[in-house]
Amino acid sequence: MRTVAVLGGGIGGLAASYYLCKNPQVTKVVLLEFSSRFGGWVWSSRRSDGTVFELGPRGIRPAGAVGRNTLNMVEELGLGTEILPVPFSHVASKNRFLYVKGKLHRMPSGISGLLRTVPPFSRPLLFSIATEILVKKGTNDDESIHSFVSRRLGKELADIAVDSLCRGVFAGDCRKLSVRSCFPSLYNAEQHRGSLTLGMLLGSGPTPTVSAGPLAQRSIKESWAQWSLKRGMESLPESLSDFLQRSGKVELHRDAAVRQINPSAAGWTVQLEDGVVSADHIISALPAKALSSVLPSCCRPLVQQLQDISAVTVAVVNLEYEGGILPVTGFGHLVPSSEDKGLLGVVYDSIPFPQHNRADGPTTRLTVMMGGAWFQEAFGPPESVTAESLLLRATGAVCSHLGVSAAPSWSRVTLHRDCIPQYQLGHHQRVESLRSFVKDNNLSLSLTGSSFDGVSVNDVIFSGRTAVDQLLGGGV
């Protein structure tokens, strides 16, 4: 494997390049990013007074094989001393809220929370969990998340808690999203154990094996719920691109939009606006629709399936207020679609990561998330919405949900177009079909990134690692 071209310089493309350049079988890696920066949706806003705001993901979970894998990478990049851990004992881990019927409700936690009836729910959650073990296994190959949870745990939990969770994680509609692709551990628990409860107690099938390095071991010992970095999450892609630059193996190209890829005798030619790159193999970390637009005619069967993987637009509004203005402390609150379709949730950034506040005087940082699967319905076409209207909607929500009448002292509105892929019913079959076509036609092409194998930062990094391992015969 002499030269591998990696398409897309988001966290997926950077991770794939990282694992490629560590492998002695690869001579050269060419990383092509169409924008002027690497990192994709992992993007931090840093002010000169030391304040950090996240425009994308704001914390990473250390749990599981994919969580350990990311922490191992962080350690290898020398970022271990930059970690800001948030343990399970922290108020941001214990207190998460739902905004239902015009009020904030703390989500039940601990045994006492499961035993009591806690608004907005009409019965103790333990009742739903206890009866779940008796529910028969579903017969469908796939099922919406809402249908799955309604069947196993009851409609109320699906309508309120799961609806809100899917809006917070995927900015998506749980009535359309696939449980098999979005929450594979739940699907596998039912398949292998017949019950979510038994799946949690006994395990829900095989999982990848990743050994825990010292940093991952520390996360277990100190019981981290999530972590960030001192200068924000963008430190991770910045460190990755620095590592790649220093390796001597990787050519990094910004402002390098891929126009077309075509098979050649040696592998592929990649057409750019101002030149051509030749490669033995391509790893695409492009969004599904972006990849569909550059494929050659011989890959036409892939095009429609790639275009069927849709993505939603999310407006992110960062706000800073003077002093302590929150009526509650916790991670933030989510809003079910029955309450307000356009408003997904509000994150109380200052609570989990006070280190990102400015040093002089108390402030409160919030992030309001809006739109997602409901963007068009709530705000109209993304290309015509104004930053002013989004800011007005965000500050209005902070006022009505949290009772904050003061105006923010600082704000930033960011519109992320098509940023979170939606794994709708049948997504697993679509991805299997895509990869089968690639294999059956002996195409030197790997598909990785958030369009296929999980939307979290951990999932996307692990997807890059898996693509490299499969290409070069390594094992995860």
Protein backbone atom coordinates (compact mmCIF):
# COMPACT_ATOMS: atom_id res chain seq x y z
CA MET A 1 0.00 0.00 0.00
CA ARG A 2 2.04 2.93 -1.26
CA THR A 3 -0.39 5.88 -1.21
CA VAL A 4 -3.76 6.22 0.53
CA ALA A 5 -5.96 9.26 -0.12
CA VAL A 6 -8.27 10.23 2.73
CA LEU A 7 -11.25 12.34 1.69
CA GLY A 8 -12.51 14.69 4.40
CA GLY A 9 -10.52 16.33 7.20
CA GLY A 10 -13.11 16.14 9.95
CA ILE A 11 -12.43 14.03 13.02
CA GLY A 12 -13.09 10.83 11.00
CA GLY A 13 -10.58 11.64 8.27
CA LEU A 14 -8.00 12.82 10.79
CA ALA A 15 -8.42 9.61 12.82
CA ALA A 16 -8.11 7.40 9.73
CA SER A 17 -4.95 9.30 8.70
CA TYR A 18 -3.58 8.92 12.24
CA TYR A 19 -3.96 5.12 12.20
CA LEU A 20 -2.64 4.91 8.61
CA CYS A 21 0.54 6.84 9.34
CA LYS A 22 1.29 4.64 12.38
CA ASN A 23 1.26 1.57 10.12
CA PRO A 24 4.57 0.68 8.41
CA GLN A 25 2.74 -0.78 5.39
CA VAL A 26 1.72 2.70 4.24
CA THR A 27 4.27 4.93 2.54
CA LYS A 28 2.20 8.07 2.02
CA VAL A 29 -1.15 9.52 3.11
CA VAL A 30 -2.83 12.44 1.31
CA LEU A 31 -5.55 14.09 3.40
CA LEU A 32 -7.94 16.30 1.42
CA GLU A 33 -10.23 18.78 3.21
CA PHE A 34 -12.50 21.11 1.25
CA SER A 35 -12.71 23.83 3.94
CA SER A 36 -10.00 26.06 5.40
CA ARG A 37 -9.81 24.16 8.72
CA PHE A 38 -9.50 20.58 9.97
CA GLY A 39 -11.82 19.12 12.59
CA GLY A 40 -15.24 19.31 10.96
CA TRP A 41 -17.98 19.72 13.56
CA VAL A 42 -15.45 19.56 16.43
CA TRP A 43 -15.02 23.30 16.70
CA SER A 44 -14.25 25.59 19.66
CA SER A 45 -14.57 29.36 19.94
CA ARG A 46 -11.76 30.80 22.09
CA ARG A 47 -11.86 34.39 23.25
CA SER A 48 -8.82 36.44 24.20
CA ASP A 49 -10.01 36.59 27.84
CA GLY A 50 -9.74 32.78 28.12
CA THR A 51 -13.42 31.95 27.62
CA VAL A 52 -14.11 28.82 25.57
CA PHE A 53 -17.38 27.99 23.85
CA GLU A 54 -18.11 24.80 21.93
CA LEU A 55 -19.78 25.17 18.55
CA GLY A 56 -20.04 21.38 18.24
CA PRO A 57 -19.55 18.44 20.66
CA ARG A 58 -18.75 19.66 24.20
CA GLY A 59 -17.87 16.51 26.12
CA ILE A 60 -16.86 12.93 25.40
CA ARG A 61 -17.87 9.82 27.34
CA PRO A 62 -14.99 7.54 28.36
CA ALA A 63 -17.11 4.38 28.60
CA GLY A 64 -16.80 1.22 26.53
CA ALA A 65 -14.28 0.10 23.94
CA VAL A 66 -14.78 3.21 21.79
CA GLY A 67 -14.32 5.50 24.81
CA ARG A 68 -11.11 3.73 25.84
CA ASN A 69 -9.87 3.91 22.25
CA THR A 70 -10.28 7.71 22.16
CA LEU A 71 -8.55 8.15 25.53
CA ASN A 72 -5.65 5.99 24.31
CA MET A 73 -5.32 8.29 21.29
CA VAL A 74 -5.53 11.41 23.50
CA GLU A 75 -2.72 10.03 25.64
CA GLU A 76 -0.54 9.18 22.62
CA LEU A 77 -1.02 12.75 21.36
CA GLY A 78 0.27 14.14 24.66
CA LEU A 79 -3.05 15.69 25.67
CA GLY A 80 -3.40 13.81 28.96
CA THR A 81 -2.49 16.87 31.05
CA GLU A 82 -5.15 18.93 29.19
CA ILE A 83 -8.06 16.71 30.26
CA LEU A 84 -10.98 18.22 32.21
CA PRO A 85 -12.80 15.25 33.75
CA VAL A 86 -16.37 15.34 35.06
CA PRO A 87 -16.98 12.42 37.49
CA PHE A 88 -20.34 10.72 38.05
CA SER A 89 -20.43 12.34 41.50
CA HIS A 90 -20.48 15.84 39.92
CA VAL A 91 -23.72 17.82 39.98
CA ALA A 92 -23.63 18.03 36.16
CA SER A 93 -23.69 14.23 36.00
CA LYS A 94 -26.40 13.76 38.62
CA ASN A 95 -28.75 16.56 37.57
CA ARG A 96 -30.28 16.49 34.10
CA PHE A 97 -33.61 18.11 33.43
CA LEU A 98 -36.60 17.89 31.10
CA TYR A 99 -38.74 20.91 30.25
CA VAL A 100 -42.32 19.59 30.13
CA LYS A 101 -45.61 21.52 30.35
CA GLY A 102 -43.80 24.77 31.06
CA LYS A 103 -41.72 23.44 33.96
CA LEU A 104 -38.24 22.03 34.58
CA HIS A 105 -38.25 18.48 35.98
CA ARG A 106 -35.14 16.74 37.28
CA MET A 107 -34.71 13.32 35.71
CA PRO A 108 -34.95 10.49 38.27
CA SER A 109 -31.59 9.08 39.40
CA GLY A 110 -30.51 6.51 41.95
CA ILE A 111 -32.70 3.84 43.57
CA SER A 112 -34.96 6.37 45.33
CA GLY A 113 -35.65 8.09 42.02
CA LEU A 114 -36.71 4.80 40.46
CA LEU A 115 -38.98 3.86 43.39
CA ARG A 116 -40.95 7.12 43.55
CA THR A 117 -43.34 8.70 41.08
CA VAL A 118 -41.36 11.67 39.80
CA PRO A 119 -43.01 14.26 37.53
CA PRO A 120 -43.37 14.44 34.58
CA PHE A 121 -43.93 10.67 34.80
CA SER A 122 -47.17 9.22 36.15
CA ARG A 123 -45.68 6.11 37.79
CA PRO A 124 -42.34 4.95 39.25
CA LEU A 125 -39.82 4.05 36.55
CA LEU A 126 -39.02 0.83 38.42
CA PHE A 127 -42.48 -0.42 37.43
CA SER A 128 -41.59 -0.08 33.73
CA ILE A 129 -38.21 -1.77 34.27
CA ALA A 130 -39.68 -4.63 36.34
CA THR A 131 -42.37 -5.46 33.78
CA GLU A 132 -40.00 -5.09 30.81
CA ILE A 133 -38.47 -8.50 31.49
CA LEU A 134 -41.84 -10.14 30.65
CA VAL A 135 -42.26 -8.43 27.26
CA LYS A 136 -41.92 -10.74 24.25
CA LYS A 137 -39.08 -10.26 21.80
CA GLY A 138 -39.93 -8.22 18.70
CA THR A 139 -40.14 -10.02 15.35
CA ASN A 140 -39.09 -7.19 13.01
CA ASP A 141 -35.61 -6.89 11.55
CA ASP A 142 -35.62 -3.21 12.54
CA GLU A 143 -37.93 -0.89 14.44
CA SER A 144 -38.18 2.80 15.26
CA ILE A 145 -36.75 3.84 18.63
CA HIS A 146 -40.18 5.13 19.72
CA SER A 147 -41.91 1.85 18.80
CA PHE A 148 -39.21 -0.24 20.51
CA VAL A 149 -39.29 1.71 23.79
CA SER A 150 -43.10 1.97 23.79
CA ARG A 151 -43.34 -1.80 23.40
CA ARG A 152 -40.79 -2.64 26.07
CA LEU A 153 -41.03 0.22 28.60
CA GLY A 154 -44.30 2.02 27.87
CA LYS A 155 -45.52 4.88 25.70
CA GLU A 156 -45.06 7.59 28.35
CA LEU A 157 -41.33 6.93 28.64
CA ALA A 158 -41.03 6.90 24.84
CA ASP A 159 -43.07 10.11 24.39
CA ILE A 160 -41.18 12.15 26.98
CA ALA A 161 -37.75 10.80 27.94
CA VAL A 162 -36.72 8.96 24.78
CA ASP A 163 -38.15 11.59 22.45
CA SER A 164 -36.06 14.21 24.31
CA LEU A 165 -32.94 12.01 24.38
CA CYS A 166 -33.03 11.45 20.61
CA ARG A 167 -33.39 15.19 20.08
CA GLY A 168 -30.38 15.79 22.34
CA VAL A 169 -28.15 13.12 20.76
CA PHE A 170 -29.24 12.98 17.11
CA ALA A 171 -31.34 16.17 16.77
CA GLY A 172 -33.73 13.61 15.33
CA ASP A 173 -37.24 12.17 15.52
CA CYS A 174 -37.37 8.93 17.52
CA ARG A 175 -40.44 7.89 15.47
CA LYS A 176 -38.24 7.71 12.35
CA LEU A 177 -34.83 6.72 13.73
CA SER A 178 -33.73 3.07 13.80
CA VAL A 179 -33.17 1.46 17.20
CA ARG A 180 -30.85 -1.12 15.61
CA SER A 181 -28.49 1.55 14.22
CA CYS A 182 -28.86 4.34 16.80
CA PHE A 183 -28.88 2.20 19.96
CA PRO A 184 -27.38 -1.16 18.93
CA SER A 185 -26.82 -2.19 22.57
CA LEU A 186 -30.60 -2.02 23.22
CA TYR A 187 -31.41 -3.92 20.04
CA ASN A 188 -28.78 -6.56 20.83
CA ALA A 189 -29.94 -6.89 24.43
CA GLU A 190 -33.40 -7.88 23.21
CA GLN A 191 -32.00 -10.17 20.51
CA HIS A 192 -29.49 -11.99 22.74
CA ARG A 193 -31.19 -11.86 26.15
CA GLY A 194 -34.84 -11.20 25.36
CA SER A 195 -34.78 -8.23 27.73
CA LEU A 196 -33.04 -4.89 28.20
CA THR A 197 -32.73 -5.56 31.92
CA LEU A 198 -31.03 -8.93 31.39
CA GLY A 199 -28.88 -7.40 28.64
CA MET A 200 -27.59 -4.77 31.06
CA LEU A 201 -26.94 -7.35 33.77
CA LEU A 202 -25.47 -10.12 31.62
CA GLY A 203 -24.15 -8.30 28.56
CA SER A 204 -25.79 -7.99 25.16
CA GLY A 205 -23.39 -9.79 22.87
CA PRO A 206 -19.79 -9.42 21.70
CA THR A 207 -18.13 -6.00 21.83
CA PRO A 208 -14.74 -4.86 20.45
CA THR A 209 -11.75 -5.40 22.71
CA VAL A 210 -9.63 -2.33 23.41
CA SER A 211 -7.12 -2.41 26.23
CA ALA A 212 -7.18 0.55 28.61
CA GLY A 213 -4.01 2.65 28.65
CA PRO A 214 -3.04 4.66 31.76
CA LEU A 215 -5.45 7.54 30.95
CA ALA A 216 -8.38 5.19 30.32
CA GLN A 217 -7.50 3.34 33.55
CA ARG A 218 -7.53 6.68 35.37
CA SER A 219 -11.01 7.42 33.95
CA ILE A 220 -12.27 4.14 35.43
CA LYS A 221 -10.56 4.66 38.79
CA GLU A 222 -11.87 8.24 39.10
CA SER A 223 -15.31 7.30 37.69
CA TRP A 224 -15.49 9.85 34.89
CA ALA A 225 -18.87 10.45 33.27
CA GLN A 226 -17.40 12.67 30.54
CA TRP A 227 -14.38 14.81 29.76
CA SER A 228 -13.29 17.84 27.75
CA LEU A 229 -9.98 19.65 27.19
CA LYS A 230 -8.66 22.89 28.70
CA ARG A 231 -8.70 24.79 25.42
CA GLY A 232 -11.87 23.13 24.18
CA MET A 233 -12.61 20.04 22.12
CA GLU A 234 -10.91 21.50 19.04
CA SER A 235 -7.58 20.77 20.73
CA LEU A 236 -8.11 17.15 19.64
CA PRO A 237 -8.23 17.75 15.85
CA GLU A 238 -5.50 20.39 16.21
CA SER A 239 -3.22 17.86 17.94
CA LEU A 240 -4.07 15.22 15.36
CA SER A 241 -3.19 17.51 12.45
CA ASP A 242 0.07 18.51 14.21
CA PHE A 243 0.92 14.83 14.70
CA LEU A 244 0.23 14.10 11.04
CA GLN A 245 2.30 17.07 9.92
CA ARG A 246 5.27 15.94 12.01
CA SER A 247 5.03 12.30 10.88
CA GLY A 248 6.58 13.05 7.48
CA LYS A 249 4.15 10.55 5.93
CA VAL A 250 1.09 12.75 5.52
CA GLU A 251 0.35 15.54 3.07
CA LEU A 252 -2.34 17.80 4.55
CA HIS A 253 -4.40 19.82 2.07
CA ARG A 254 -6.93 22.47 3.12
CA ASP A 255 -9.24 24.20 0.61
CA ALA A 256 -8.97 21.06 -1.52
CA ALA A 257 -12.47 20.23 -2.73
CA VAL A 258 -12.74 16.82 -4.41
CA ARG A 259 -14.54 17.15 -7.76
CA GLN A 260 -14.47 13.53 -8.99
CA ILE A 261 -12.82 10.21 -8.25
CA ASN A 262 -12.11 7.77 -11.07
CA PRO A 263 -10.65 4.25 -11.17
CA SER A 264 -7.18 3.97 -12.68
CA ALA A 265 -4.76 1.14 -13.40
CA ALA A 266 -3.02 1.76 -10.05
CA GLY A 267 -6.16 2.46 -8.00
CA TRP A 268 -7.76 5.90 -8.23
CA THR A 269 -7.26 9.39 -9.55
CA VAL A 270 -8.78 12.13 -7.42
CA GLN A 271 -9.73 15.25 -9.38
CA LEU A 272 -9.32 18.50 -7.47
CA GLU A 273 -10.08 22.02 -8.69
CA ASP A 274 -6.40 22.64 -9.41
CA GLY A 275 -4.82 19.24 -9.88
CA VAL A 276 -4.97 15.46 -9.61
CA VAL A 277 -3.94 13.07 -6.82
CA SER A 278 -3.15 9.42 -7.56
CA ALA A 279 -3.77 6.81 -4.87
CA ASP A 280 -3.74 3.04 -4.43
CA HIS A 281 -6.69 3.24 -2.05
CA ILE A 282 -9.28 5.80 -0.93
CA ILE A 283 -10.73 6.08 2.55
CA SER A 284 -13.76 8.35 2.32
CA ALA A 285 -14.73 10.19 5.49
CA LEU A 286 -17.03 12.48 3.50
CA PRO A 287 -20.71 12.83 4.39
CA ALA A 288 -22.76 10.29 2.40
CA LYS A 289 -24.31 12.86 0.04
CA ALA A 290 -20.95 14.55 -0.61
CA LEU A 291 -19.43 11.19 -1.55
CA SER A 292 -22.37 10.38 -3.84
CA SER A 293 -21.66 13.53 -5.88
CA VAL A 294 -18.03 12.60 -6.72
CA LEU A 295 -18.37 8.89 -7.51
CA PRO A 296 -17.70 7.64 -11.08
CA SER A 297 -20.44 6.13 -13.29
CA CYS A 298 -19.30 2.58 -12.47
CA CYS A 299 -20.44 3.22 -8.87
CA ARG A 300 -23.94 4.39 -9.82
CA PRO A 301 -25.64 1.72 -7.62
CA LEU A 302 -23.97 3.37 -4.61
CA VAL A 303 -25.21 6.86 -5.40
CA GLN A 304 -28.90 6.47 -4.53
CA GLN A 305 -28.18 4.54 -1.34
CA LEU A 306 -25.73 7.23 -0.21
CA GLN A 307 -28.27 9.95 -0.99
CA ASP A 308 -30.85 8.10 1.11
CA ILE A 309 -28.69 8.76 4.21
CA SER A 310 -30.05 12.18 5.12
CA ALA A 311 -28.68 14.68 7.65
CA VAL A 312 -30.26 17.49 9.66
CA THR A 313 -29.35 21.13 10.23
CA VAL A 314 -28.79 22.42 13.78
CA ALA A 315 -28.56 26.01 14.99
CA VAL A 316 -26.15 26.42 17.92
CA VAL A 317 -26.49 29.63 19.94
CA ASN A 318 -23.75 30.29 22.54
CA LEU A 319 -24.72 32.80 25.23
CA GLU A 320 -22.82 34.43 28.09
CA TYR A 321 -24.56 36.15 31.01
CA GLU A 322 -23.04 38.19 33.81
CA GLY A 323 -23.17 36.55 37.26
CA GLY A 324 -24.92 33.34 38.27
CA ILE A 325 -28.34 33.31 36.64
CA LEU A 326 -29.42 29.64 36.76
CA PRO A 327 -32.36 28.62 38.98
CA VAL A 328 -31.03 25.02 39.04
CA THR A 329 -27.61 23.39 38.70
CA GLY A 330 -26.94 20.49 36.39
CA PHE A 331 -25.83 19.58 32.88
CA GLY A 332 -28.80 21.17 31.14
CA HIS A 333 -32.31 20.42 30.00
CA LEU A 334 -33.88 18.74 26.98
CA VAL A 335 -37.24 19.58 25.46
CA PRO A 336 -39.59 16.90 24.03
CA SER A 337 -41.06 17.58 20.59
CA SER A 338 -44.55 17.78 22.10
CA GLU A 339 -43.43 20.87 24.06
CA ASP A 340 -41.54 22.82 21.38
CA LYS A 341 -40.47 21.25 18.10
CA GLY A 342 -37.87 23.87 17.22
CA LEU A 343 -36.10 24.00 20.61
CA LEU A 344 -34.03 20.84 21.25
CA GLY A 345 -32.40 21.76 24.57
CA VAL A 346 -30.21 24.09 26.61
CA VAL A 347 -26.77 23.10 27.97
CA TYR A 348 -25.54 24.83 31.15
CA ASP A 349 -21.90 24.89 30.00
CA SER A 350 -20.57 26.68 33.10
CA ILE A 351 -21.64 23.83 35.41
CA PRO A 352 -19.63 20.88 33.99
CA PHE A 353 -16.75 23.02 32.69
CA PRO A 354 -16.30 26.19 34.81
CA GLN A 355 -12.65 26.18 33.64
CA HIS A 356 -13.93 27.56 30.31
CA ASN A 357 -15.42 30.66 31.98
CA ARG A 358 -13.47 33.91 31.87
CA ALA A 359 -11.28 34.45 34.92
CA ASP A 360 -12.46 37.92 35.99
CA GLY A 361 -15.82 37.77 37.73
CA PRO A 362 -18.62 35.20 37.71
CA THR A 363 -20.40 34.47 34.44
CA THR A 364 -22.81 31.83 33.16
CA ARG A 365 -22.30 30.22 29.75
CA LEU A 366 -25.22 28.50 28.02
CA THR A 367 -25.70 26.83 24.65
CA VAL A 368 -29.13 26.60 23.04
CA MET A 369 -29.62 23.90 20.38
CA MET A 370 -32.40 24.34 17.83
CA GLY A 371 -33.87 22.80 14.70
CA GLY A 372 -32.66 19.34 13.77
CA ALA A 373 -35.35 17.23 12.12
CA TRP A 374 -37.79 20.11 12.72
CA PHE A 375 -35.61 22.93 11.35
CA GLN A 376 -37.62 23.69 8.21
CA GLU A 377 -40.94 23.46 10.06
CA ALA A 378 -39.80 25.76 12.87
CA PHE A 379 -37.55 28.25 11.06
CA GLY A 380 -38.03 27.85 7.31
CA PRO A 381 -35.28 27.09 4.76
CA PRO A 382 -31.79 27.17 6.36
CA GLU A 383 -30.47 29.39 3.56
CA SER A 384 -32.95 32.16 4.38
CA VAL A 385 -32.98 32.10 8.20
CA THR A 386 -31.24 35.04 9.90
CA ALA A 387 -28.84 34.95 12.85
CA GLU A 388 -30.96 37.65 14.52
CA SER A 389 -34.12 35.51 14.45
CA LEU A 390 -32.25 32.49 15.85
CA LEU A 391 -30.71 34.59 18.63
CA LEU A 392 -34.14 36.01 19.51
CA ARG A 393 -35.62 32.53 19.68
CA ALA A 394 -32.73 31.27 21.86
CA THR A 395 -32.81 34.13 24.36
CA GLY A 396 -36.61 33.86 24.49
CA ALA A 397 -36.27 30.21 25.47
CA VAL A 398 -33.70 31.03 28.19
CA CYS A 399 -36.11 33.66 29.53
CA SER A 400 -39.19 31.41 29.56
CA HIS A 401 -37.49 28.15 30.61
CA LEU A 402 -35.01 29.52 33.16
CA GLY A 403 -36.58 32.83 34.19
CA VAL A 404 -33.60 34.86 32.95
CA SER A 405 -34.84 38.31 31.97
CA ALA A 406 -31.38 39.88 31.55
CA ALA A 407 -29.91 40.17 28.07
CA PRO A 408 -26.75 38.16 27.38
CA SER A 409 -23.49 40.11 27.51
CA TRP A 410 -22.10 38.08 24.58
CA SER A 411 -23.59 35.76 21.96
CA ARG A 412 -22.64 33.77 18.89
CA VAL A 413 -24.98 32.06 16.41
CA THR A 414 -23.67 29.18 14.29
CA LEU A 415 -25.72 27.30 11.71
CA HIS A 416 -24.45 23.77 11.05
CA ARG A 417 -25.92 22.66 7.72
CA ASP A 418 -26.53 18.89 7.41
CA CYS A 419 -24.36 18.17 10.43
CA ILE A 420 -25.92 15.05 12.02
CA PRO A 421 -26.75 12.01 9.84
CA GLN A 422 -30.12 10.38 10.52
CA TYR A 423 -30.06 6.60 10.81
CA GLN A 424 -33.62 5.91 9.72
CA LEU A 425 -35.29 2.50 9.47
CA GLY A 426 -33.24 0.05 7.40
CA HIS A 427 -29.97 2.00 7.86
CA HIS A 428 -28.01 -1.17 8.73
CA GLN A 429 -29.18 -2.84 5.48
CA ARG A 430 -28.21 0.24 3.48
CA VAL A 431 -24.70 0.28 4.96
CA GLU A 432 -24.29 -3.49 4.46
CA SER A 433 -25.39 -3.11 0.84
CA LEU A 434 -22.95 -0.24 0.24
CA ARG A 435 -20.02 -2.18 1.64
CA SER A 436 -21.04 -5.38 -0.20
CA PHE A 437 -21.01 -3.49 -3.50
CA VAL A 438 -17.52 -2.15 -2.74
CA LYS A 439 -16.29 -5.65 -1.86
CA ASP A 440 -18.00 -7.48 -4.74
CA ASN A 441 -16.57 -5.03 -7.26
CA ASN A 442 -13.06 -5.08 -5.75
CA LEU A 443 -13.08 -1.33 -5.28
CA SER A 444 -10.12 0.05 -3.35
CA LEU A 445 -12.50 2.15 -1.28
CA SER A 446 -13.33 2.29 2.44
CA LEU A 447 -16.40 4.06 3.85
CA THR A 448 -15.96 5.66 7.24
CA GLY A 449 -17.31 8.60 9.25
CA SER A 450 -20.55 9.62 10.92
CA SER A 451 -22.80 8.69 7.97
CA PHE A 452 -22.35 4.98 8.63
CA ASP A 453 -21.25 3.62 12.02
CA GLY A 454 -22.30 6.06 14.76
CA VAL A 455 -22.43 9.84 15.14
CA SER A 456 -20.50 10.38 18.39
CA VAL A 457 -16.87 11.53 18.37
CA ASN A 458 -15.87 8.16 19.86
CA ASP A 459 -17.78 6.22 17.18
CA VAL A 460 -16.32 8.27 14.34
CA ILE A 461 -12.73 7.85 15.60
CA PHE A 462 -13.27 4.12 16.05
CA SER A 463 -14.78 3.87 12.56
CA GLY A 464 -11.57 5.37 11.16
CA ARG A 465 -9.49 2.87 13.10
CA THR A 466 -11.67 -0.04 11.93
CA ALA A 467 -11.35 1.01 8.27
CA VAL A 468 -7.55 1.04 8.56
CA ASP A 469 -7.46 -2.31 10.40
CA GLN A 470 -9.62 -3.94 7.74
CA LEU A 471 -7.54 -2.46 4.95
CA LEU A 472 -4.17 -3.45 6.37
CA GLY A 473 -5.10 -6.67 8.15
CA GLY A 474 -4.85 -5.34 11.69
CA GLY A 475 -7.20 -6.34 14.47
CA VAL A 476 -9.22 -4.20 16.83
